[in-house]
Amino acid sequence: MSPYDRKEDEVRRLLDGPHPGVPVDLAPRAAERGRRVLARRRVLHAVLWTLLVVGVVVALVLAVVWWPGAEPLDTTPGGW
């Protein structure tokens, strides 16, 4: 008997046997867990977007502050 046939026979025996009972409150518990997961995901996405926006603003402010300014107009290019 090949390994495939043996596994197939095992699966058939499992499926032909009695099926385990499903808890009565399974659906409400699953729905509540799904709501919690979605709420956590929304909060995480909001925090990450906020950090991204803050990072971009900080980078822009630093670029403006540290950007070398134009030379004063009253000097000559040769320094005469």
Protein backbone atom coordinates (compact mmCIF):
# COMPACT_ATOMS: atom_id res chain seq x y z
CA MET A 1 0.00 0.00 0.00
CA SER A 2 1.43 3.36 -1.01
CA PRO A 3 1.65 6.25 1.46
CA TYR A 4 -1.05 8.08 -0.53
CA ASP A 5 -3.49 5.17 -0.20
CA ARG A 6 -2.79 4.85 3.53
CA LYS A 7 -3.43 8.56 4.11
CA GLU A 8 -6.58 8.40 2.03
CA ASP A 9 -7.84 5.43 4.07
CA GLU A 10 -7.11 7.30 7.33
CA VAL A 11 -9.02 10.36 6.12
CA ARG A 12 -11.98 8.22 5.03
CA ARG A 13 -12.09 6.55 8.47
CA LEU A 14 -12.02 9.94 10.19
CA LEU A 15 -14.81 11.31 8.01
CA ASP A 16 -16.98 8.19 8.38
CA GLY A 17 -16.80 8.30 12.18
CA PRO A 18 -18.84 10.47 14.54
CA HIS A 19 -18.34 14.19 14.07
CA PRO A 20 -17.45 16.27 17.12
CA GLY A 21 -20.08 18.63 18.45
CA VAL A 22 -19.81 22.36 17.83
CA PRO A 23 -20.13 24.65 20.87
CA VAL A 24 -23.36 26.61 20.91
CA ASP A 25 -21.63 29.96 21.45
CA LEU A 26 -19.01 29.45 18.74
CA ALA A 27 -20.45 32.00 16.27
CA PRO A 28 -20.84 34.87 18.79
CA ARG A 29 -17.34 34.25 20.16
CA ALA A 30 -15.86 34.22 16.65
CA ALA A 31 -17.71 37.41 15.74
CA GLU A 32 -16.49 39.18 18.89
CA ARG A 33 -12.93 38.07 18.26
CA GLY A 34 -13.18 39.32 14.69
CA ARG A 35 -14.40 42.72 15.92
CA ARG A 36 -11.46 42.95 18.33
CA VAL A 37 -8.97 42.03 15.61
CA LEU A 38 -10.43 44.65 13.26
CA ALA A 39 -10.39 47.31 15.98
CA ARG A 40 -6.73 46.58 16.78
CA ARG A 41 -5.86 46.69 13.09
CA ARG A 42 -7.61 50.06 12.66
CA VAL A 43 -5.76 51.52 15.64
CA LEU A 44 -2.44 50.17 14.39
CA HIS A 45 -3.01 51.62 10.91
CA ALA A 46 -3.99 54.98 12.37
CA VAL A 47 -0.84 55.06 14.52
CA LEU A 48 1.39 54.09 11.61
CA TRP A 49 -0.15 56.72 9.28
CA THR A 50 0.25 59.34 12.00
CA LEU A 51 3.91 58.42 12.46
CA LEU A 52 4.44 58.58 8.70
CA VAL A 53 2.87 62.04 8.44
CA VAL A 54 4.87 63.29 11.43
CA GLY A 55 8.06 61.90 9.89
CA VAL A 56 7.40 63.65 6.58
CA VAL A 57 6.65 66.95 8.32
CA VAL A 58 9.82 66.68 10.43
CA ALA A 59 11.88 65.90 7.32
CA LEU A 60 10.43 68.91 5.50
CA VAL A 61 11.09 71.23 8.44
CA LEU A 62 14.66 69.99 8.78
CA ALA A 63 15.22 70.38 5.04
CA VAL A 64 14.00 73.99 5.17
CA VAL A 65 16.05 74.84 8.26
CA TRP A 66 19.28 73.23 7.09
CA TRP A 67 19.02 74.17 3.40
CA PRO A 68 21.84 76.54 2.52
CA GLY A 69 20.43 80.00 1.85
CA ALA A 70 21.18 82.15 -1.16
CA GLU A 71 24.26 84.32 -1.07
CA PRO A 72 23.65 87.92 -0.01
CA LEU A 73 23.11 90.22 -2.98
CA ASP A 74 25.59 92.90 -1.83
CA THR A 75 28.65 90.69 -2.33
CA THR A 76 30.38 90.09 -5.62
CA PRO A 77 31.07 86.59 -6.87
CA GLY A 78 34.84 87.09 -6.73
CA GLY A 79 34.79 88.56 -3.24
CA TRP A 80 36.22 91.91 -4.46
